[in-house]
């Protein structure tokens, strides 16, 4: 695999519609809602980098064919791409399909089994979805088949080997709903069409296994970033005592783990290119 693309951007707002660095007074609608809702930190910084890479790689196309595997009311794409894209979303949840207001084509179906004509899309996006799939491998094979030559796959997912990943994997779903409602303060958490959704953590969700799968299926890694989950800055703002306890526990764990390991790195972004 070739060297990954990893530019270092500051936290200053980035105007994705213009494709260049904006001033600190950039208007807020330069960003999609998904970015505006992220607290300052590693997650937001990495998503800005993802936006820059996608904008640069797809800048020559006047219309972009995008397959969004699982999609509700929020897009994680830069607005500059979204405004010139034809988005097809596939989701198994009727409420999620109903909530989606940016896709031109909405299909009620299972991303693990639904198939498109080979070479149909310039970009496949699968954001916070693969951890919920019992058969992630089947879904990934479908993404590869549907992608055009030199097309891109963007995957955003939790890290199963992080502190938050281990807690999520080994606690019941009712605990996840409780956390969303009483720690994150999301009153409608767990209701139809609302997160959190049941989590399976197929082995391919683990980043090293996912990269190996990509290499054997003609995909090259062009961006890879593990980052601190946005849940940590949220907790620090809402529940500072709990946050101090979690940070102290994470520091102890990191001390006994290999160098540069940080159990707070609860999420990752991965961009793949079809060779």
Protein backbone atom coordinates (compact mmCIF):
# COMPACT_ATOMS: atom_id res chain seq x y z
CA UNK A 1 0.00 0.00 0.00
CA UNK A 2 1.17 3.51 -0.71
CA UNK A 3 1.91 6.08 1.92
CA UNK A 4 -1.26 7.50 3.45
CA UNK A 5 -2.29 11.13 2.95
CA UNK A 6 -2.14 12.94 6.30
CA UNK A 7 -2.02 16.74 6.08
CA UNK A 8 -2.11 18.75 9.27
CA UNK A 9 -4.95 21.32 9.34
CA UNK A 10 -5.63 23.77 12.13
CA UNK A 11 -8.96 24.07 13.89
CA UNK A 12 -9.83 27.24 11.98
CA UNK A 13 -12.98 26.87 9.89
CA UNK A 14 -12.46 25.37 6.44
CA UNK A 15 -14.66 26.53 3.56
CA UNK A 16 -15.44 23.26 1.79
CA UNK A 17 -17.51 25.05 -0.85
CA UNK A 18 -14.46 27.00 -1.99
CA UNK A 19 -11.89 24.24 -1.44
CA UNK A 20 -9.45 26.49 0.45
CA UNK A 21 -8.64 27.62 3.95
CA UNK A 22 -11.14 30.21 5.22
CA UNK A 23 -10.70 32.96 7.74
CA UNK A 24 -11.74 32.61 11.35
CA UNK A 25 -14.87 34.61 10.41
CA UNK A 26 -16.15 32.02 7.90
CA UNK A 27 -19.91 31.74 7.82
CA UNK A 28 -21.26 28.68 9.67
CA UNK A 29 -23.23 27.40 6.69
CA UNK A 30 -19.91 26.64 4.97
CA UNK A 31 -20.07 23.33 6.84
CA UNK A 32 -22.59 20.47 7.01
CA UNK A 33 -24.49 20.07 10.25
CA UNK A 34 -22.49 16.97 11.15
CA UNK A 35 -19.32 19.07 11.38
CA UNK A 36 -20.94 21.95 13.23
CA UNK A 37 -22.20 19.52 15.89
CA UNK A 38 -18.72 18.15 16.60
CA UNK A 39 -16.88 19.75 19.55
CA UNK A 40 -13.38 21.10 18.85
CA UNK A 41 -10.95 18.21 18.95
CA UNK A 42 -9.41 15.37 17.01
CA UNK A 43 -12.69 14.13 15.50
CA UNK A 44 -13.53 17.51 13.98
CA UNK A 45 -9.99 18.01 12.74
CA UNK A 46 -9.94 14.62 11.03
CA UNK A 47 -13.34 15.20 9.39
CA UNK A 48 -12.03 18.49 7.98
CA UNK A 49 -9.08 16.57 6.52
CA UNK A 50 -11.47 14.01 5.02
CA UNK A 51 -13.40 16.88 3.40
CA UNK A 52 -10.22 18.30 1.90
CA UNK A 53 -9.16 14.94 0.45
CA UNK A 54 -12.57 14.19 -1.06
CA UNK A 55 -12.85 17.68 -2.53
CA UNK A 56 -9.39 17.43 -4.10
CA UNK A 57 -9.84 13.91 -5.45
CA UNK A 58 -13.28 14.57 -6.96
CA UNK A 59 -12.83 18.18 -8.07
CA UNK A 60 -12.72 17.34 -11.79
CA UNK A 61 -16.20 15.76 -11.83
CA UNK A 62 -19.18 18.00 -12.56
CA UNK A 63 -21.61 15.47 -11.07
CA UNK A 64 -20.62 12.85 -8.54
CA UNK A 65 -22.45 9.55 -8.15
CA UNK A 66 -22.50 8.72 -4.43
CA UNK A 67 -23.74 5.58 -2.70
CA UNK A 68 -24.43 6.16 0.97
CA UNK A 69 -24.68 2.86 2.80
CA UNK A 70 -26.99 3.68 5.69
CA UNK A 71 -28.12 7.27 5.97
CA UNK A 72 -30.41 9.31 8.19
CA UNK A 73 -30.89 13.04 8.53
CA UNK A 74 -27.19 14.04 8.60
CA UNK A 75 -24.57 13.96 5.87
CA UNK A 76 -20.85 13.76 6.67
CA UNK A 77 -19.82 15.01 3.23
CA UNK A 78 -18.54 18.53 2.44
CA UNK A 79 -21.30 20.73 1.07
CA UNK A 80 -19.25 21.50 -2.04
CA UNK A 81 -19.54 17.82 -3.04
CA UNK A 82 -23.08 17.34 -1.83
CA UNK A 83 -24.35 20.24 -3.97
CA UNK A 84 -23.12 18.59 -7.19
CA UNK A 85 -23.82 14.98 -6.31
CA UNK A 86 -26.50 12.45 -7.07
CA UNK A 87 -26.84 10.59 -3.77
CA UNK A 88 -28.36 7.13 -3.52
CA UNK A 89 -28.98 5.97 0.03
CA UNK A 90 -29.74 2.42 1.13
CA UNK A 91 -30.98 1.82 4.67
CA UNK A 92 -32.89 -1.00 6.33
CA UNK A 93 -34.69 1.37 8.71
CA UNK A 94 -37.84 3.07 7.37
CA UNK A 95 -37.48 5.93 9.85
CA UNK A 96 -33.91 6.62 8.72
CA UNK A 97 -35.03 6.65 5.09
CA UNK A 98 -37.86 9.04 5.98
CA UNK A 99 -35.49 11.36 7.87
CA UNK A 100 -33.09 11.65 4.94
CA UNK A 101 -33.71 14.91 3.06
CA UNK A 102 -30.59 15.20 0.87
CA UNK A 103 -30.55 11.96 -1.18
CA UNK A 104 -32.04 11.99 -4.68
CA UNK A 105 -32.76 8.26 -4.52
CA UNK A 106 -33.76 6.41 -1.33
CA UNK A 107 -33.89 2.62 -1.19
CA UNK A 108 -35.29 0.60 1.69
CA UNK A 109 -32.90 -2.32 1.76
CA UNK A 110 -30.02 -4.12 3.44
CA UNK A 111 -26.52 -2.89 2.55
CA UNK A 112 -25.22 -6.39 3.26
CA UNK A 113 -27.20 -7.89 0.38
CA UNK A 114 -28.25 -5.00 -1.87
CA UNK A 115 -26.25 -4.84 -5.10
CA UNK A 116 -25.83 -2.20 -7.82
CA UNK A 117 -24.44 -2.50 -11.33
CA UNK A 118 -20.63 -2.78 -11.19
CA UNK A 119 -18.84 0.55 -11.54
CA UNK A 120 -21.86 2.70 -10.68
CA UNK A 121 -20.39 5.15 -8.14
CA UNK A 122 -17.53 7.61 -7.73
CA UNK A 123 -17.81 7.52 -3.94
CA UNK A 124 -19.21 5.08 -1.40
CA UNK A 125 -19.69 6.42 2.11
CA UNK A 126 -20.33 4.18 5.09
CA UNK A 127 -20.31 6.28 8.26
CA UNK A 128 -21.06 4.78 11.68
CA UNK A 129 -22.64 1.75 10.01
CA UNK A 130 -20.27 -1.24 9.69
CA UNK A 131 -20.22 -1.81 13.45
CA UNK A 132 -23.96 -2.51 13.27
CA UNK A 133 -23.69 -5.20 10.55
CA UNK A 134 -23.56 -8.93 11.33
CA UNK A 135 -21.99 -9.55 7.89
CA UNK A 136 -19.63 -6.65 7.30
CA UNK A 137 -17.65 -8.63 4.72
CA UNK A 138 -20.66 -9.01 2.42
CA UNK A 139 -21.36 -5.27 2.64
CA UNK A 140 -17.74 -4.36 1.85
CA UNK A 141 -17.69 -6.67 -1.17
CA UNK A 142 -20.80 -4.92 -2.45
CA UNK A 143 -19.14 -1.52 -2.00
CA UNK A 144 -16.06 -2.65 -3.96
CA UNK A 145 -18.17 -3.99 -6.81
CA UNK A 146 -20.32 -0.86 -7.05
CA UNK A 147 -17.29 1.47 -7.17
CA UNK A 148 -15.82 2.88 -10.38
CA UNK A 149 -12.12 2.52 -11.15
CA UNK A 150 -10.22 5.14 -9.11
CA UNK A 151 -13.36 5.66 -7.00
CA UNK A 152 -13.25 6.20 -3.24
CA UNK A 153 -14.73 4.56 -0.17
CA UNK A 154 -15.04 6.59 3.03
CA UNK A 155 -15.54 4.60 6.22
CA UNK A 156 -16.09 6.14 9.63
CA UNK A 157 -16.37 3.67 12.49
CA UNK A 158 -15.61 3.05 16.16
CA UNK A 159 -12.41 1.31 17.20
CA UNK A 160 -13.35 -2.00 18.92
CA UNK A 161 -10.00 -2.05 20.77
CA UNK A 162 -10.49 1.35 22.41
CA UNK A 163 -11.92 2.00 25.86
CA UNK A 164 -15.28 3.09 24.47
CA UNK A 165 -15.24 0.22 21.95
CA UNK A 166 -14.71 -2.42 24.63
CA UNK A 167 -17.45 -0.90 26.81
CA UNK A 168 -19.83 -0.80 23.84
CA UNK A 169 -19.03 -4.36 22.80
CA UNK A 170 -19.48 -5.96 26.21
CA UNK A 171 -22.44 -4.03 27.62
CA UNK A 172 -26.13 -4.60 26.77
CA UNK A 173 -28.06 -2.32 24.44
CA UNK A 174 -30.19 -0.88 27.26
CA UNK A 175 -27.00 0.50 28.81
CA UNK A 176 -26.17 2.29 25.54
CA UNK A 177 -29.63 3.88 25.52
CA UNK A 178 -29.20 4.93 29.16
CA UNK A 179 -25.82 6.51 28.34
CA UNK A 180 -27.23 8.46 25.40
CA UNK A 181 -30.17 9.74 27.45
CA UNK A 182 -28.62 10.53 30.82
CA UNK A 183 -24.95 11.21 30.05
CA UNK A 184 -25.20 12.72 26.57
CA UNK A 185 -28.60 14.29 27.30
CA UNK A 186 -30.39 12.98 24.18
CA UNK A 187 -33.98 12.52 25.35
CA UNK A 188 -35.25 10.58 22.32
CA UNK A 189 -32.32 8.12 22.27
CA UNK A 190 -33.39 4.58 21.48
CA UNK A 191 -36.74 5.57 19.98
CA UNK A 192 -37.60 4.32 16.45
CA UNK A 193 -35.11 5.69 13.95
CA UNK A 194 -32.89 7.18 16.67
CA UNK A 195 -29.44 6.11 17.88
CA UNK A 196 -28.05 4.13 19.52
CA UNK A 197 -28.61 1.07 17.35
CA UNK A 198 -27.63 -2.53 18.25
CA UNK A 199 -23.90 -3.14 17.73
CA UNK A 200 -22.26 -6.37 16.51
CA UNK A 201 -18.58 -5.48 15.90
CA UNK A 202 -17.77 -7.95 13.14
CA UNK A 203 -14.00 -8.71 13.13
CA UNK A 204 -13.54 -6.54 10.01
CA UNK A 205 -14.46 -3.43 12.01
CA UNK A 206 -11.00 -3.70 13.60
CA UNK A 207 -8.87 -1.28 11.61
CA UNK A 208 -5.91 -3.60 10.97
CA UNK A 209 -8.21 -6.34 9.65
CA UNK A 210 -10.13 -3.83 7.53
CA UNK A 211 -6.89 -2.56 5.97
CA UNK A 212 -5.79 -6.14 5.22
CA UNK A 213 -9.17 -6.83 3.59
CA UNK A 214 -8.78 -3.69 1.47
CA UNK A 215 -5.33 -4.73 0.28
CA UNK A 216 -6.56 -8.12 -0.92
CA UNK A 217 -9.51 -6.59 -2.81
CA UNK A 218 -7.74 -4.01 -4.94
CA UNK A 219 -8.12 -1.05 -2.58
CA UNK A 220 -5.37 1.32 -1.53
CA UNK A 221 -5.38 3.32 1.72
CA UNK A 222 -5.03 7.06 1.04
CA UNK A 223 -6.05 8.30 4.48
CA UNK A 224 -6.11 6.60 7.88
CA UNK A 225 -6.68 8.34 11.19
CA UNK A 226 -7.51 7.05 14.65
CA UNK A 227 -8.70 9.85 16.89
CA UNK A 228 -10.18 10.59 20.29
CA UNK A 229 -13.89 9.92 20.29
CA UNK A 230 -15.99 13.12 20.34
CA UNK A 231 -17.78 11.58 23.33
CA UNK A 232 -14.77 12.48 25.52
CA UNK A 233 -15.00 16.29 25.05
CA UNK A 234 -18.77 15.97 25.41
CA UNK A 235 -18.40 14.24 28.78
CA UNK A 236 -15.78 16.77 29.92
CA UNK A 237 -18.26 19.55 29.26
CA UNK A 238 -21.37 17.84 30.67
CA UNK A 239 -20.01 15.58 33.43
CA UNK A 240 -16.57 16.87 34.50
CA UNK A 241 -16.25 14.57 37.53
CA UNK A 242 -17.03 11.50 35.43
CA UNK A 243 -14.66 12.76 32.73
CA UNK A 244 -11.79 13.07 35.22
CA UNK A 245 -12.39 9.50 36.37
CA UNK A 246 -12.44 8.20 32.79
CA UNK A 247 -9.33 10.17 31.80
CA UNK A 248 -7.46 8.87 34.86
CA UNK A 249 -8.47 5.29 34.04
CA UNK A 250 -7.39 5.75 30.42
CA UNK A 251 -4.01 7.14 31.53
CA UNK A 252 -3.39 4.06 33.69
CA UNK A 253 -4.32 1.73 30.82
CA UNK A 254 -2.08 3.62 28.38
CA UNK A 255 0.86 3.30 30.79
CA UNK A 256 0.76 -0.51 30.53
CA UNK A 257 0.11 -0.65 26.76
CA UNK A 258 2.65 -0.33 23.92
CA UNK A 259 4.04 3.12 23.20
CA UNK A 260 1.71 5.54 21.38
CA UNK A 261 -1.36 3.46 22.21
CA UNK A 262 -4.21 5.61 23.50
CA UNK A 263 -7.39 3.83 24.57
CA UNK A 264 -9.25 7.12 24.12
CA UNK A 265 -8.84 6.76 20.35
CA UNK A 266 -12.35 5.43 20.05
CA UNK A 267 -13.03 6.17 16.35
CA UNK A 268 -11.32 6.21 12.98
CA UNK A 269 -11.62 7.53 9.44
CA UNK A 270 -10.43 5.44 6.49
CA UNK A 271 -10.44 6.49 2.83
CA UNK A 272 -9.77 3.78 0.24
CA UNK A 273 -9.16 4.11 -3.51
CA UNK A 274 -10.06 1.41 -6.02
CA UNK A 275 -6.94 0.66 -8.05
